[in-house]
Structure formats: C-alpha cells, structure tokens
Amino acid sequence: MITAYDLTGKPLAACKKRMSEEAAMKNNQLPEGWDESRVKRVIAHYDEQSPEEALAEDEAGVAPAETVMSVPHDLVSRVREMIAKHHG
C-alpha cells in the first residue's frame, strides 16, 4: 500500500512521463506544407470515419506482398537492416 507520506516529494513515474508529454505538445511546429487548417481537416476526416471505412483504408494501404506486424522496439533497427539487405 502506498500512503501520502510515501509520496511526499517523490513524483510518480507516470506523472513524470505526463509532464514530459505535455512539454513536447507545447512544441507547435508543423511539418513543411502543413498548417492549422490542414491539421483540422485530417482530424475531422478520422473523427467522422466509421469503423468499416477505417478498416478499408488500412487494408488499402498494405500491398498484397506486405505484412504489417508489431516489432519490439529493441529489434526495430535489426529488422530494418534485414529489409534493406533483402531489397539491396
């Protein structure tokens, strides 16, 4: 059990993460060619999309010879190297 006494002066890891995320969100730089209007259009597109439309969009974005899968973060660089060698 954690008491208020245990937490005095010790920010929780989740709080630290949230504070760093908020600091990152304050950086309002957009990619070249993007503006607030474009961001709002993209957000509206996905907010208005039905689950079926979202699935169709996802499936259309994957070529028949490709597979989408989760890769542990520590293996991403090795997987990229393997793909580069395969295409090399």
C-alpha atoms as a PDB file:
ATOM      1  CA  MET A   1       0.000   0.000   0.000  1.00  0.00           C
ATOM      2  CA  ILE A   2       1.246   3.487  -0.857  1.00  0.00           C
ATOM      3  CA  THR A   3       0.415   6.287   1.535  1.00  0.00           C
ATOM      4  CA  ALA A   4       0.546  10.043   1.024  1.00  0.00           C
ATOM      5  CA  TYR A   5       3.587  10.014   3.314  1.00  0.00           C
ATOM      6  CA  ASP A   6       5.389   7.662   0.915  1.00  0.00           C
ATOM      7  CA  LEU A   7       4.774  10.027  -1.988  1.00  0.00           C
ATOM      8  CA  THR A   8       5.832  13.269  -0.336  1.00  0.00           C
ATOM      9  CA  GLY A   9       8.295  14.975  -2.642  1.00  0.00           C
ATOM     10  CA  LYS A  10       8.523  11.960  -4.961  1.00  0.00           C
ATOM     11  CA  PRO A  11       6.757  12.423  -8.289  1.00  0.00           C
ATOM     12  CA  LEU A  12       5.462   9.157  -9.673  1.00  0.00           C
ATOM     13  CA  ALA A  13       6.948   7.843 -12.907  1.00  0.00           C
ATOM     14  CA  ALA A  14       3.586   8.266 -14.650  1.00  0.00           C
ATOM     15  CA  CYS A  15       3.469  11.910 -13.577  1.00  0.00           C
ATOM     16  CA  LYS A  16       6.984  12.495 -14.922  1.00  0.00           C
ATOM     17  CA  LYS A  17       6.009  10.895 -18.232  1.00  0.00           C
ATOM     18  CA  ARG A  18       2.866  13.011 -18.454  1.00  0.00           C
ATOM     19  CA  MET A  19       4.832  16.177 -17.702  1.00  0.00           C
ATOM     20  CA  SER A  20       7.336  15.381 -20.474  1.00  0.00           C
ATOM     21  CA  GLU A  21       4.475  14.634 -22.910  1.00  0.00           C
ATOM     22  CA  GLU A  22       2.878  17.986 -22.080  1.00  0.00           C
ATOM     23  CA  ALA A  23       6.206  19.739 -22.650  1.00  0.00           C
ATOM     24  CA  ALA A  24       6.524  18.017 -26.029  1.00  0.00           C
ATOM     25  CA  MET A  25       2.985  19.083 -27.006  1.00  0.00           C
ATOM     26  CA  LYS A  26       3.910  22.722 -26.426  1.00  0.00           C
ATOM     27  CA  ASN A  27       6.206  22.481 -29.452  1.00  0.00           C
ATOM     28  CA  ASN A  28       3.711  23.629 -32.089  1.00  0.00           C
ATOM     29  CA  GLN A  29       5.942  23.192 -35.128  1.00  0.00           C
ATOM     30  CA  LEU A  30       4.246  21.530 -38.076  1.00  0.00           C
ATOM     31  CA  PRO A  31       5.890  19.729 -40.976  1.00  0.00           C
ATOM     32  CA  GLU A  32       6.642  21.801 -44.049  1.00  0.00           C
ATOM     33  CA  GLY A  33       3.475  22.393 -46.068  1.00  0.00           C
ATOM     34  CA  TRP A  34       1.176  21.840 -43.096  1.00  0.00           C
ATOM     35  CA  ASP A  35      -0.885  24.493 -41.340  1.00  0.00           C
ATOM     36  CA  GLU A  36      -3.605  24.526 -38.693  1.00  0.00           C
ATOM     37  CA  SER A  37      -6.330  24.209 -41.336  1.00  0.00           C
ATOM     38  CA  ARG A  38      -4.789  21.050 -42.781  1.00  0.00           C
ATOM     39  CA  VAL A  39      -4.397  19.518 -39.324  1.00  0.00           C
ATOM     40  CA  LYS A  40      -8.070  20.206 -38.574  1.00  0.00           C
ATOM     41  CA  ARG A  41      -9.146  18.607 -41.886  1.00  0.00           C
ATOM     42  CA  VAL A  42      -7.153  15.453 -41.121  1.00  0.00           C
ATOM     43  CA  ILE A  43      -8.584  15.245 -37.598  1.00  0.00           C
ATOM     44  CA  ALA A  44     -12.127  15.738 -38.956  1.00  0.00           C
ATOM     45  CA  HIS A  45     -11.546  13.008 -41.562  1.00  0.00           C
ATOM     46  CA  TYR A  46     -10.639  10.417 -38.932  1.00  0.00           C
ATOM     47  CA  ASP A  47     -13.240  11.595 -36.409  1.00  0.00           C
ATOM     48  CA  GLU A  48     -16.028  11.178 -38.973  1.00  0.00           C
ATOM     49  CA  GLN A  49     -14.815   7.805 -40.272  1.00  0.00           C
ATOM     50  CA  SER A  50     -16.851   4.701 -39.474  1.00  0.00           C
ATOM     51  CA  PRO A  51     -15.007   1.594 -38.224  1.00  0.00           C
ATOM     52  CA  GLU A  52     -15.699  -0.076 -41.579  1.00  0.00           C
ATOM     53  CA  GLU A  53     -14.223   2.873 -43.503  1.00  0.00           C
ATOM     54  CA  ALA A  54     -11.163   2.879 -41.226  1.00  0.00           C
ATOM     55  CA  LEU A  55     -10.611  -0.839 -41.829  1.00  0.00           C
ATOM     56  CA  ALA A  56     -10.966  -0.415 -45.592  1.00  0.00           C
ATOM     57  CA  GLU A  57      -8.449   2.446 -45.545  1.00  0.00           C
ATOM     58  CA  ASP A  58      -5.986   0.372 -43.507  1.00  0.00           C
ATOM     59  CA  GLU A  59      -6.334  -2.622 -45.806  1.00  0.00           C
ATOM     60  CA  ALA A  60      -5.917  -0.468 -48.912  1.00  0.00           C
ATOM     61  CA  GLY A  61      -2.626   0.853 -47.542  1.00  0.00           C
ATOM     62  CA  VAL A  62      -0.978  -2.581 -47.384  1.00  0.00           C
ATOM     63  CA  ALA A  63       0.267  -4.092 -50.618  1.00  0.00           C
ATOM     64  CA  PRO A  64      -0.570  -7.796 -51.161  1.00  0.00           C
ATOM     65  CA  ALA A  65       3.115  -8.741 -50.828  1.00  0.00           C
ATOM     66  CA  GLU A  66       3.462  -6.956 -47.461  1.00  0.00           C
ATOM     67  CA  THR A  67       2.684  -7.858 -43.867  1.00  0.00           C
ATOM     68  CA  VAL A  68       2.048  -5.467 -41.004  1.00  0.00           C
ATOM     69  CA  MET A  69       3.173  -6.626 -37.563  1.00  0.00           C
ATOM     70  CA  SER A  70       4.343  -5.391 -34.202  1.00  0.00           C
ATOM     71  CA  VAL A  71       8.073  -5.477 -33.573  1.00  0.00           C
ATOM     72  CA  PRO A  72       9.652  -4.955 -30.146  1.00  0.00           C
ATOM     73  CA  HIS A  73      11.396  -1.565 -30.029  1.00  0.00           C
ATOM     74  CA  ASP A  74      14.808  -3.093 -29.380  1.00  0.00           C
ATOM     75  CA  LEU A  75      14.564  -5.150 -32.597  1.00  0.00           C
ATOM     76  CA  VAL A  76      13.402  -2.403 -34.978  1.00  0.00           C
ATOM     77  CA  SER A  77      16.889  -1.444 -36.169  1.00  0.00           C
ATOM     78  CA  ARG A  78      17.783  -5.092 -36.846  1.00  0.00           C
ATOM     79  CA  VAL A  79      14.533  -5.644 -38.774  1.00  0.00           C
ATOM     80  CA  ARG A  80      15.222  -2.521 -40.847  1.00  0.00           C
ATOM     81  CA  GLU A  81      18.701  -3.842 -41.664  1.00  0.00           C
ATOM     82  CA  MET A  82      17.238  -7.167 -42.766  1.00  0.00           C
ATOM     83  CA  ILE A  83      14.686  -5.456 -45.002  1.00  0.00           C
ATOM     84  CA  ALA A  84      17.391  -3.234 -46.523  1.00  0.00           C
ATOM     85  CA  LYS A  85      19.539  -6.310 -47.269  1.00  0.00           C
ATOM     86  CA  HIS A  86      16.543  -8.063 -48.798  1.00  0.00           C
ATOM     87  CA  HIS A  87      15.806  -5.100 -51.086  1.00  0.00           C
ATOM     88  CA  GLY A  88      19.527  -4.367 -51.629  1.00  0.00           C
END
